[in-house]
Structures are given as structure tokens and as C-alpha cells.
Amino acid sequence: KPFRIIPKEITPIPLSSSWLEGFGFT
């Protein structure tokens, strides 16, 4: 099984230009 955590252990990833490029934005 995969790892399990509770919601308070989750941190959103801030959107950045490197993430946009990683998703294929040009």
C-alpha cells in the first residue's frame, strides 16, 4: 500500500514558472 497521512501534514506547492514549464506551458 502507499503511504498515508492526515490533512494537516499536507502543504500545497506554490505555483511558479518552473512548475508551469514542467506542465508544458510555453
PDB file of all heavy atoms in Angstrom:
ATOM      1  N   LYS A   1       0.834  -1.201   0.000  1.00  0.00           N
ATOM      2  CA  LYS A   1       0.000   0.000   0.000  1.00  0.00           C
ATOM      3  C   LYS A   1       0.868   1.250   0.000  1.00  0.00           C
ATOM      4  O   LYS A   1       2.008   1.223   0.457  1.00  0.00           O
ATOM      5  CB  LYS A   1      -0.942   0.006   1.201  1.00  0.00           C
ATOM      6  CG  LYS A   1      -0.246   0.009   2.542  1.00  0.00           C
ATOM      7  CD  LYS A   1      -1.260  -0.041   3.662  1.00  0.00           C
ATOM      8  CE  LYS A   1      -0.513  -0.082   5.004  1.00  0.00           C
ATOM      9  NZ  LYS A   1      -1.433  -0.114   6.121  1.00  0.00           N
ATOM     10  N   PRO A   2       0.335   2.357  -0.482  1.00  0.00           N
ATOM     11  CA  PRO A   2       1.089   3.611  -0.474  1.00  0.00           C
ATOM     12  C   PRO A   2       1.122   4.213   0.937  1.00  0.00           C
ATOM     13  O   PRO A   2       0.458   3.737   1.845  1.00  0.00           O
ATOM     14  CB  PRO A   2       0.299   4.503  -1.440  1.00  0.00           C
ATOM     15  CG  PRO A   2      -1.057   3.912  -1.487  1.00  0.00           C
ATOM     16  CD  PRO A   2      -0.926   2.452  -1.171  1.00  0.00           C
ATOM     17  N   PHE A   3       1.872   5.264   1.090  1.00  0.00           N
ATOM     18  CA  PHE A   3       1.958   5.966   2.368  1.00  0.00           C
ATOM     19  C   PHE A   3       0.649   6.696   2.650  1.00  0.00           C
ATOM     20  O   PHE A   3      -0.031   7.143   1.726  1.00  0.00           O
ATOM     21  CB  PHE A   3       3.103   6.976   2.335  1.00  0.00           C
ATOM     22  CG  PHE A   3       4.439   6.347   2.091  1.00  0.00           C
ATOM     23  CD1 PHE A   3       5.022   6.394   0.840  1.00  0.00           C
ATOM     24  CD2 PHE A   3       5.110   5.695   3.111  1.00  0.00           C
ATOM     25  CE1 PHE A   3       6.254   5.814   0.610  1.00  0.00           C
ATOM     26  CE2 PHE A   3       6.341   5.111   2.896  1.00  0.00           C
ATOM     27  CZ  PHE A   3       6.922   5.165   1.636  1.00  0.00           C
ATOM     28  N   ARG A   4       0.292   6.858   3.947  1.00  0.00           N
ATOM     29  CA  ARG A   4      -0.937   7.566   4.337  1.00  0.00           C
ATOM     30  C   ARG A   4      -0.586   8.667   5.325  1.00  0.00           C
ATOM     31  O   ARG A   4       0.245   8.474   6.203  1.00  0.00           O
ATOM     32  CB  ARG A   4      -1.919   6.608   5.009  1.00  0.00           C
ATOM     33  CG  ARG A   4      -2.501   5.607   4.054  1.00  0.00           C
ATOM     34  CD  ARG A   4      -3.456   4.696   4.750  1.00  0.00           C
ATOM     35  NE  ARG A   4      -4.582   5.496   5.237  1.00  0.00           N
ATOM     36  CZ  ARG A   4      -5.511   5.056   6.045  1.00  0.00           C
ATOM     37  NH1 ARG A   4      -5.469   3.828   6.489  1.00  0.00           N
ATOM     38  NH2 ARG A   4      -6.498   5.812   6.445  1.00  0.00           N
ATOM     39  N   ILE A   5      -1.227   9.821   5.172  1.00  0.00           N
ATOM     40  CA  ILE A   5      -1.045  10.927   6.109  1.00  0.00           C
ATOM     41  C   ILE A   5      -2.388  11.595   6.376  1.00  0.00           C
ATOM     42  O   ILE A   5      -3.361  11.364   5.659  1.00  0.00           O
ATOM     43  CB  ILE A   5      -0.036  11.982   5.599  1.00  0.00           C
ATOM     44  CG1 ILE A   5      -0.488  12.573   4.263  1.00  0.00           C
ATOM     45  CG2 ILE A   5       1.351  11.416   5.509  1.00  0.00           C
ATOM     46  CD1 ILE A   5       0.374  13.717   3.792  1.00  0.00           C
ATOM     47  N   ILE A   6      -2.414  12.449   7.389  1.00  0.00           N
ATOM     48  CA  ILE A   6      -3.612  13.224   7.703  1.00  0.00           C
ATOM     49  C   ILE A   6      -3.505  14.587   7.016  1.00  0.00           C
ATOM     50  O   ILE A   6      -2.407  15.032   6.681  1.00  0.00           O
ATOM     51  CB  ILE A   6      -3.800  13.360   9.229  1.00  0.00           C
ATOM     52  CG1 ILE A   6      -2.578  14.010   9.880  1.00  0.00           C
ATOM     53  CG2 ILE A   6      -4.102  12.001   9.856  1.00  0.00           C
ATOM     54  CD1 ILE A   6      -2.717  14.267  11.371  1.00  0.00           C
ATOM     55  N   PRO A   7      -4.634  15.259   6.793  1.00  0.00           N
ATOM     56  CA  PRO A   7      -4.634  16.515   6.035  1.00  0.00           C
ATOM     57  C   PRO A   7      -3.699  17.611   6.562  1.00  0.00           C
ATOM     58  O   PRO A   7      -3.127  18.351   5.778  1.00  0.00           O
ATOM     59  CB  PRO A   7      -6.086  16.972   6.099  1.00  0.00           C
ATOM     60  CG  PRO A   7      -6.855  15.724   6.299  1.00  0.00           C
ATOM     61  CD  PRO A   7      -5.985  14.826   7.121  1.00  0.00           C
ATOM     62  N   LYS A   8      -3.504  17.685   7.887  1.00  0.00           N
ATOM     63  CA  LYS A   8      -2.651  18.767   8.395  1.00  0.00           C
ATOM     64  C   LYS A   8      -1.181  18.545   8.052  1.00  0.00           C
ATOM     65  O   LYS A   8      -0.367  19.433   8.227  1.00  0.00           O
ATOM     66  CB  LYS A   8      -2.843  18.951   9.898  1.00  0.00           C
ATOM     67  CG  LYS A   8      -2.281  17.872  10.773  1.00  0.00           C
ATOM     68  CD  LYS A   8      -2.491  18.207  12.229  1.00  0.00           C
ATOM     69  CE  LYS A   8      -1.790  17.185  13.120  1.00  0.00           C
ATOM     70  NZ  LYS A   8      -1.961  17.507  14.513  1.00  0.00           N
ATOM     71  N   GLU A   9      -0.827  17.368   7.523  1.00  0.00           N
ATOM     72  CA  GLU A   9       0.536  17.091   7.096  1.00  0.00           C
ATOM     73  C   GLU A   9       0.749  17.346   5.605  1.00  0.00           C
ATOM     74  O   GLU A   9       1.763  16.974   5.047  1.00  0.00           O
ATOM     75  CB  GLU A   9       0.900  15.651   7.432  1.00  0.00           C
ATOM     76  CG  GLU A   9       0.913  15.374   8.922  1.00  0.00           C
ATOM     77  CD  GLU A   9       1.146  13.912   9.255  1.00  0.00           C
ATOM     78  OE1 GLU A   9       0.735  13.034   8.466  1.00  0.00           O
ATOM     79  OE2 GLU A   9       1.737  13.657  10.312  1.00  0.00           O
ATOM     80  N   ILE A  10      -0.227  18.012   4.984  1.00  0.00           N
ATOM     81  CA  ILE A  10      -0.161  18.310   3.555  1.00  0.00           C
ATOM     82  C   ILE A  10       0.091  19.808   3.378  1.00  0.00           C
ATOM     83  O   ILE A  10      -0.560  20.631   4.002  1.00  0.00           O
ATOM     84  CB  ILE A  10      -1.480  17.936   2.854  1.00  0.00           C
ATOM     85  CG1 ILE A  10      -1.708  16.435   2.942  1.00  0.00           C
ATOM     86  CG2 ILE A  10      -1.475  18.411   1.407  1.00  0.00           C
ATOM     87  CD1 ILE A  10      -3.070  16.010   2.464  1.00  0.00           C
ATOM     88  N   THR A  11       1.035  20.131   2.516  1.00  0.00           N
ATOM     89  CA  THR A  11       1.329  21.523   2.196  1.00  0.00           C
ATOM     90  C   THR A  11       1.168  21.720   0.693  1.00  0.00           C
ATOM     91  O   THR A  11       1.773  20.972  -0.088  1.00  0.00           O
ATOM     92  CB  THR A  11       2.781  21.879   2.600  1.00  0.00           C
ATOM     93  OG1 THR A  11       2.945  21.612   3.988  1.00  0.00           O
ATOM     94  CG2 THR A  11       3.084  23.324   2.304  1.00  0.00           C
ATOM     95  N   PRO A  12       0.380  22.709   0.282  1.00  0.00           N
ATOM     96  CA  PRO A  12       0.263  22.964  -1.158  1.00  0.00           C
ATOM     97  C   PRO A  12       1.597  23.416  -1.733  1.00  0.00           C
ATOM     98  O   PRO A  12       2.406  24.042  -1.046  1.00  0.00           O
ATOM     99  CB  PRO A  12      -0.765  24.088  -1.249  1.00  0.00           C
ATOM    100  CG  PRO A  12      -1.297  24.301   0.109  1.00  0.00           C
ATOM    101  CD  PRO A  12      -0.417  23.614   1.079  1.00  0.00           C
ATOM    102  N   ILE A  13       1.822  23.112  -2.987  1.00  0.00           N
ATOM    103  CA  ILE A  13       3.031  23.553  -3.679  1.00  0.00           C
ATOM    104  C   ILE A  13       2.715  24.885  -4.350  1.00  0.00           C
ATOM    105  O   ILE A  13       1.802  24.962  -5.176  1.00  0.00           O
ATOM    106  CB  ILE A  13       3.470  22.529  -4.739  1.00  0.00           C
ATOM    107  CG1 ILE A  13       3.766  21.184  -4.078  1.00  0.00           C
ATOM    108  CG2 ILE A  13       4.676  23.052  -5.520  1.00  0.00           C
ATOM    109  CD1 ILE A  13       4.049  20.065  -5.048  1.00  0.00           C
ATOM    110  N   PRO A  14       3.455  25.939  -4.019  1.00  0.00           N
ATOM    111  CA  PRO A  14       3.208  27.231  -4.676  1.00  0.00           C
ATOM    112  C   PRO A  14       3.486  27.129  -6.176  1.00  0.00           C
ATOM    113  O   PRO A  14       4.479  26.530  -6.596  1.00  0.00           O
ATOM    114  CB  PRO A  14       4.202  28.178  -4.007  1.00  0.00           C
ATOM    115  CG  PRO A  14       4.610  27.504  -2.743  1.00  0.00           C
ATOM    116  CD  PRO A  14       4.495  26.027  -3.009  1.00  0.00           C
ATOM    117  N   LEU A  15       2.603  27.694  -6.963  1.00  0.00           N
ATOM    118  CA  LEU A  15       2.770  27.693  -8.411  1.00  0.00           C
ATOM    119  C   LEU A  15       3.926  28.618  -8.760  1.00  0.00           C
ATOM    120  O   LEU A  15       4.079  29.686  -8.178  1.00  0.00           O
ATOM    121  CB  LEU A  15       1.476  28.176  -9.071  1.00  0.00           C
ATOM    122  CG  LEU A  15       1.330  27.944 -10.566  1.00  0.00           C
ATOM    123  CD1 LEU A  15       1.509  26.482 -10.917  1.00  0.00           C
ATOM    124  CD2 LEU A  15      -0.032  28.423 -11.029  1.00  0.00           C
ATOM    125  N   SER A  16       4.753  28.205  -9.690  1.00  0.00           N
ATOM    126  CA  SER A  16       5.899  29.005 -10.117  1.00  0.00           C
ATOM    127  C   SER A  16       6.124  28.796 -11.611  1.00  0.00           C
ATOM    128  O   SER A  16       5.534  27.892 -12.215  1.00  0.00           O
ATOM    129  CB  SER A  16       7.154  28.598  -9.352  1.00  0.00           C
ATOM    130  OG  SER A  16       7.514  27.276  -9.691  1.00  0.00           O
ATOM    131  N   SER A  17       6.984  29.601 -12.186  1.00  0.00           N
ATOM    132  CA  SER A  17       7.266  29.461 -13.615  1.00  0.00           C
ATOM    133  C   SER A  17       7.891  28.099 -13.920  1.00  0.00           C
ATOM    134  O   SER A  17       7.621  27.509 -14.966  1.00  0.00           O
ATOM    135  CB  SER A  17       8.170  30.591 -14.101  1.00  0.00           C
ATOM    136  OG  SER A  17       9.379  30.598 -13.382  1.00  0.00           O
ATOM    137  N   SER A  18       8.703  27.555 -13.004  1.00  0.00           N
ATOM    138  CA  SER A  18       9.301  26.240 -13.259  1.00  0.00           C
ATOM    139  C   SER A  18       8.233  25.141 -13.266  1.00  0.00           C
ATOM    140  O   SER A  18       8.312  24.198 -14.054  1.00  0.00           O
ATOM    141  CB  SER A  18      10.406  25.922 -12.256  1.00  0.00           C
ATOM    142  OG  SER A  18       9.906  25.891 -10.955  1.00  0.00           O
ATOM    143  N   TRP A  19       7.214  25.244 -12.398  1.00  0.00           N
ATOM    144  CA  TRP A  19       6.123  24.275 -12.427  1.00  0.00           C
ATOM    145  C   TRP A  19       5.324  24.414 -13.715  1.00  0.00           C
ATOM    146  O   TRP A  19       4.945  23.406 -14.323  1.00  0.00           O
ATOM    147  CB  TRP A  19       5.212  24.439 -11.211  1.00  0.00           C
ATOM    148  CG  TRP A  19       5.751  23.724 -10.014  1.00  0.00           C
ATOM    149  CD1 TRP A  19       6.457  24.265  -8.981  1.00  0.00           C
ATOM    150  CD2 TRP A  19       5.654  22.333  -9.738  1.00  0.00           C
ATOM    151  NE1 TRP A  19       6.802  23.285  -8.078  1.00  0.00           N
ATOM    152  CE2 TRP A  19       6.314  22.091  -8.514  1.00  0.00           C
ATOM    153  CE3 TRP A  19       5.060  21.264 -10.392  1.00  0.00           C
ATOM    154  CZ2 TRP A  19       6.417  20.828  -7.944  1.00  0.00           C
ATOM    155  CZ3 TRP A  19       5.156  20.005  -9.820  1.00  0.00           C
ATOM    156  CH2 TRP A  19       5.819  19.797  -8.610  1.00  0.00           C
ATOM    157  N   LEU A  20       5.058  25.648 -14.154  1.00  0.00           N
ATOM    158  CA  LEU A  20       4.328  25.842 -15.409  1.00  0.00           C
ATOM    159  C   LEU A  20       5.073  25.204 -16.572  1.00  0.00           C
ATOM    160  O   LEU A  20       4.477  24.509 -17.394  1.00  0.00           O
ATOM    161  CB  LEU A  20       4.099  27.330 -15.679  1.00  0.00           C
ATOM    162  CG  LEU A  20       3.102  28.031 -14.766  1.00  0.00           C
ATOM    163  CD1 LEU A  20       3.067  29.517 -15.073  1.00  0.00           C
ATOM    164  CD2 LEU A  20       1.718  27.431 -14.902  1.00  0.00           C
ATOM    165  N   GLU A  21       6.370  25.428 -16.639  1.00  0.00           N
ATOM    166  CA  GLU A  21       7.178  24.820 -17.697  1.00  0.00           C
ATOM    167  C   GLU A  21       7.133  23.299 -17.591  1.00  0.00           C
ATOM    168  O   GLU A  21       7.057  22.603 -18.600  1.00  0.00           O
ATOM    169  CB  GLU A  21       8.615  25.315 -17.609  1.00  0.00           C
ATOM    170  CG  GLU A  21       8.769  26.766 -18.003  1.00  0.00           C
ATOM    171  CD  GLU A  21      10.165  27.311 -17.702  1.00  0.00           C
ATOM    172  OE1 GLU A  21      11.099  26.510 -17.450  1.00  0.00           O
ATOM    173  OE2 GLU A  21      10.306  28.546 -17.711  1.00  0.00           O
ATOM    174  N   GLY A  22       7.176  22.783 -16.369  1.00  0.00           N
ATOM    175  CA  GLY A  22       7.109  21.340 -16.163  1.00  0.00           C
ATOM    176  C   GLY A  22       5.809  20.729 -16.660  1.00  0.00           C
ATOM    177  O   GLY A  22       5.766  19.573 -17.071  1.00  0.00           O
ATOM    178  N   PHE A  23       4.728  21.517 -16.625  1.00  0.00           N
ATOM    179  CA  PHE A  23       3.430  21.053 -17.119  1.00  0.00           C
ATOM    180  C   PHE A  23       3.260  21.307 -18.615  1.00  0.00           C
ATOM    181  O   PHE A  23       2.234  20.965 -19.187  1.00  0.00           O
ATOM    182  CB  PHE A  23       2.289  21.731 -16.366  1.00  0.00           C
ATOM    183  CG  PHE A  23       2.046  21.168 -14.995  1.00  0.00           C
ATOM    184  CD1 PHE A  23       2.128  21.984 -13.876  1.00  0.00           C
ATOM    185  CD2 PHE A  23       1.734  19.840 -14.815  1.00  0.00           C
ATOM    186  CE1 PHE A  23       1.897  21.478 -12.597  1.00  0.00           C
ATOM    187  CE2 PHE A  23       1.501  19.321 -13.542  1.00  0.00           C
ATOM    188  CZ  PHE A  23       1.587  20.139 -12.435  1.00  0.00           C
ATOM    189  N   GLY A  24       4.253  21.910 -19.263  1.00  0.00           N
ATOM    190  CA  GLY A  24       4.190  22.098 -20.708  1.00  0.00           C
ATOM    191  C   GLY A  24       3.736  23.464 -21.175  1.00  0.00           C
ATOM    192  O   GLY A  24       3.462  23.653 -22.355  1.00  0.00           O
ATOM    193  N   PHE A  25       3.646  24.434 -20.265  1.00  0.00           N
ATOM    194  CA  PHE A  25       3.295  25.787 -20.675  1.00  0.00           C
ATOM    195  C   PHE A  25       4.476  26.407 -21.416  1.00  0.00           C
ATOM    196  O   PHE A  25       5.624  26.291 -20.987  1.00  0.00           O
ATOM    197  CB  PHE A  25       2.954  26.666 -19.462  1.00  0.00           C
ATOM    198  CG  PHE A  25       1.581  26.427 -18.905  1.00  0.00           C
ATOM    199  CD1 PHE A  25       1.315  25.318 -18.124  1.00  0.00           C
ATOM    200  CD2 PHE A  25       0.551  27.318 -19.168  1.00  0.00           C
ATOM    201  CE1 PHE A  25       0.048  25.096 -17.605  1.00  0.00           C
ATOM    202  CE2 PHE A  25      -0.715  27.104 -18.659  1.00  0.00           C
ATOM    203  CZ  PHE A  25      -0.965  25.987 -17.877  1.00  0.00           C
ATOM    204  N   THR A  26       4.196  27.059 -22.535  1.00  0.00           N
ATOM    205  CA  THR A  26       5.205  27.770 -23.307  1.00  0.00           C
ATOM    206  C   THR A  26       4.780  29.218 -23.403  1.00  0.00           C
ATOM    207  O   THR A  26       3.655  29.509 -23.807  1.00  0.00           O
ATOM    208  CB  THR A  26       5.321  27.172 -24.722  1.00  0.00           C
ATOM    209  OG1 THR A  26       5.547  25.768 -24.601  1.00  0.00           O
ATOM    210  CG2 THR A  26       6.449  27.806 -25.498  1.00  0.00           C
TER     211      THR A  26
END
